[in-house]
């Protein structure tokens, strides 16, 4: 029985802390938003084209 009382008290304290952190998160205005323009994203085969673009970008650096 003492183990269940300890578990219940830890769960209660954790729930209070979680609710407080959620309240802080929703009350602040530090959210980041991302805009994805899907028409600008090109579909390419990952391994070959990604390595090819990395090589070409390294060659173009001064």
N, C-alpha and C. Protein backbone atom coordinates (compact mmCIF):
# COMPACT_ATOMS: atom_id res chain seq x y z
N UNK A 1 0.79 -1.21 0.00
CA UNK A 1 0.00 0.00 0.00
C UNK A 1 0.83 1.28 0.00
N UNK A 2 1.98 1.33 0.70
CA UNK A 2 2.74 2.57 0.67
C UNK A 2 3.28 2.88 -0.73
N UNK A 3 3.54 1.85 -1.52
CA UNK A 3 4.07 2.07 -2.86
C UNK A 3 3.04 2.75 -3.75
N UNK A 4 1.78 2.36 -3.62
CA UNK A 4 0.75 2.99 -4.43
C UNK A 4 0.52 4.44 -4.01
N UNK A 5 0.70 4.76 -2.76
CA UNK A 5 0.54 6.14 -2.29
C UNK A 5 1.66 7.01 -2.85
N UNK A 6 2.87 6.47 -2.89
CA UNK A 6 4.01 7.21 -3.44
C UNK A 6 3.81 7.42 -4.94
N UNK A 7 3.38 6.38 -5.62
CA UNK A 7 3.14 6.49 -7.05
C UNK A 7 2.04 7.50 -7.35
N UNK A 8 0.98 7.50 -6.57
CA UNK A 8 -0.11 8.44 -6.77
C UNK A 8 0.34 9.88 -6.51
N UNK A 9 1.16 10.08 -5.50
CA UNK A 9 1.63 11.44 -5.21
C UNK A 9 2.60 11.92 -6.28
N UNK A 10 3.48 11.05 -6.77
CA UNK A 10 4.38 11.43 -7.86
C UNK A 10 3.60 11.74 -9.14
N UNK A 11 2.57 10.97 -9.41
CA UNK A 11 1.76 11.22 -10.60
C UNK A 11 1.01 12.55 -10.48
N UNK A 12 0.55 12.88 -9.29
CA UNK A 12 -0.16 14.14 -9.08
C UNK A 12 0.78 15.33 -9.26
N UNK A 13 1.97 15.22 -8.70
CA UNK A 13 2.95 16.30 -8.84
C UNK A 13 3.37 16.46 -10.30
N UNK A 14 3.58 15.34 -10.98
CA UNK A 14 3.97 15.39 -12.40
C UNK A 14 2.85 16.01 -13.25
N UNK A 15 1.61 15.69 -12.93
CA UNK A 15 0.48 16.26 -13.68
C UNK A 15 0.38 17.76 -13.47
N UNK A 16 0.61 18.22 -12.26
CA UNK A 16 0.56 19.65 -11.98
C UNK A 16 1.67 20.38 -12.73
N UNK A 17 2.87 19.81 -12.73
CA UNK A 17 3.99 20.42 -13.46
C UNK A 17 3.70 20.43 -14.96
N UNK A 18 3.13 19.35 -15.48
CA UNK A 18 2.82 19.27 -16.91
C UNK A 18 1.77 20.32 -17.31
N UNK A 19 0.76 20.49 -16.49
CA UNK A 19 -0.27 21.49 -16.79
C UNK A 19 0.32 22.90 -16.72
N UNK A 20 1.21 23.14 -15.76
CA UNK A 20 1.85 24.45 -15.66
C UNK A 20 2.72 24.73 -16.88
N UNK A 21 3.46 23.75 -17.33
CA UNK A 21 4.30 23.94 -18.52
C UNK A 21 3.46 24.14 -19.77
N UNK A 22 2.34 23.44 -19.88
CA UNK A 22 1.44 23.66 -21.02
C UNK A 22 0.85 25.06 -20.99
N UNK A 23 0.50 25.55 -19.82
CA UNK A 23 -0.03 26.90 -19.70
C UNK A 23 1.01 27.93 -20.11
N UNK A 24 2.26 27.71 -19.72
CA UNK A 24 3.34 28.62 -20.11
C UNK A 24 3.54 28.57 -21.62
N UNK A 25 3.50 27.38 -22.19
CA UNK A 25 3.73 27.23 -23.63
C UNK A 25 2.64 27.92 -24.44
N UNK A 26 1.39 27.79 -24.02
CA UNK A 26 0.31 28.41 -24.78
C UNK A 26 0.19 29.90 -24.53
N UNK A 27 0.69 30.38 -23.40
CA UNK A 27 0.58 31.81 -23.13
C UNK A 27 1.69 32.62 -23.78
N UNK A 28 2.79 31.99 -24.11
CA UNK A 28 3.88 32.72 -24.76
C UNK A 28 3.62 32.78 -26.26
N UNK A 29 4.26 33.74 -26.90
CA UNK A 29 4.07 33.91 -28.34
C UNK A 29 5.37 33.58 -29.08
N UNK A 30 6.05 32.54 -28.65
CA UNK A 30 7.32 32.17 -29.25
C UNK A 30 7.17 30.99 -30.20
N UNK A 31 6.04 30.90 -30.85
CA UNK A 31 5.80 29.81 -31.77
C UNK A 31 6.44 30.13 -33.11
N UNK A 32 6.93 29.12 -33.76
CA UNK A 32 7.53 29.29 -35.09
C UNK A 32 6.57 28.69 -36.11
N UNK A 33 6.41 29.39 -37.21
CA UNK A 33 5.57 28.85 -38.28
C UNK A 33 6.42 28.73 -39.54
N UNK A 34 6.16 27.69 -40.29
CA UNK A 34 6.90 27.43 -41.51
C UNK A 34 5.93 27.43 -42.68
N UNK A 35 6.34 28.03 -43.77
CA UNK A 35 5.54 28.03 -44.98
C UNK A 35 6.28 27.20 -46.02
N UNK A 36 5.62 26.17 -46.48
CA UNK A 36 6.22 25.27 -47.46
C UNK A 36 5.53 25.49 -48.79
N UNK A 37 6.31 25.89 -49.79
CA UNK A 37 5.77 26.05 -51.13
C UNK A 37 6.08 24.77 -51.91
N UNK A 38 5.10 23.94 -52.00
CA UNK A 38 5.31 22.61 -52.59
C UNK A 38 5.65 22.69 -54.07
N UNK A 39 5.21 23.74 -54.72
CA UNK A 39 5.51 23.85 -56.15
C UNK A 39 6.99 24.12 -56.39
N UNK A 40 7.68 24.68 -55.38
CA UNK A 40 9.10 24.96 -55.53
C UNK A 40 10.00 23.77 -55.18
N UNK A 41 9.40 22.76 -54.61
CA UNK A 41 10.19 21.58 -54.22
C UNK A 41 10.23 20.63 -55.41
N UNK A 42 11.43 20.27 -55.80
CA UNK A 42 11.58 19.36 -56.93
C UNK A 42 11.72 17.94 -56.43
N UNK A 43 11.08 17.03 -57.12
CA UNK A 43 11.21 15.62 -56.77
C UNK A 43 12.45 15.09 -57.48
N UNK A 44 13.31 14.47 -56.70
CA UNK A 44 14.52 13.91 -57.30
C UNK A 44 14.87 12.61 -56.61
N UNK A 45 15.60 11.77 -57.29
CA UNK A 45 16.02 10.52 -56.68
C UNK A 45 17.12 10.86 -55.68
N UNK A 46 16.92 10.48 -54.45
CA UNK A 46 17.72 11.01 -53.36
C UNK A 46 19.22 10.74 -53.47
N UNK A 47 19.70 9.52 -53.50
CA UNK A 47 21.15 9.34 -53.34
C UNK A 47 21.98 9.97 -54.45
N UNK A 48 21.60 9.73 -55.69
CA UNK A 48 22.44 10.20 -56.78
C UNK A 48 22.37 11.72 -56.94
N UNK A 49 21.17 12.27 -57.00
CA UNK A 49 21.03 13.70 -57.22
C UNK A 49 21.51 14.52 -56.03
N UNK A 50 21.32 14.01 -54.83
CA UNK A 50 21.77 14.74 -53.66
C UNK A 50 23.29 14.82 -53.64
N UNK A 51 23.96 13.72 -53.94
CA UNK A 51 25.42 13.73 -53.97
C UNK A 51 25.93 14.59 -55.12
N UNK A 52 25.24 14.54 -56.23
CA UNK A 52 25.63 15.34 -57.39
C UNK A 52 25.53 16.83 -57.07
N UNK A 53 24.45 17.24 -56.38
CA UNK A 53 24.30 18.65 -56.04
C UNK A 53 25.33 19.07 -54.99
N UNK A 54 25.69 18.16 -54.09
CA UNK A 54 26.73 18.49 -53.10
C UNK A 54 28.07 18.70 -53.78
N UNK A 55 28.39 17.84 -54.74
CA UNK A 55 29.66 17.98 -55.45
C UNK A 55 29.71 19.28 -56.24
N UNK A 56 28.61 19.61 -56.90
CA UNK A 56 28.60 20.82 -57.71
C UNK A 56 28.65 22.07 -56.83
N UNK A 57 28.05 22.01 -55.63
CA UNK A 57 28.10 23.18 -54.76
C UNK A 57 29.49 23.36 -54.17
N UNK A 58 30.22 22.29 -53.94
CA UNK A 58 31.58 22.39 -53.43
C UNK A 58 32.52 22.95 -54.50
N UNK A 59 32.25 22.57 -55.73
CA UNK A 59 33.11 23.05 -56.81
C UNK A 59 32.89 24.53 -57.10
N UNK A 60 31.69 25.03 -56.81
CA UNK A 60 31.40 26.42 -57.12
C UNK A 60 31.88 27.37 -56.01
N UNK A 61 32.30 26.80 -54.87
CA UNK A 61 32.80 27.66 -53.79
C UNK A 61 34.19 28.22 -54.14
N UNK A 62 34.51 29.44 -53.72
CA UNK A 62 35.83 30.00 -54.03
C UNK A 62 36.93 29.36 -53.23
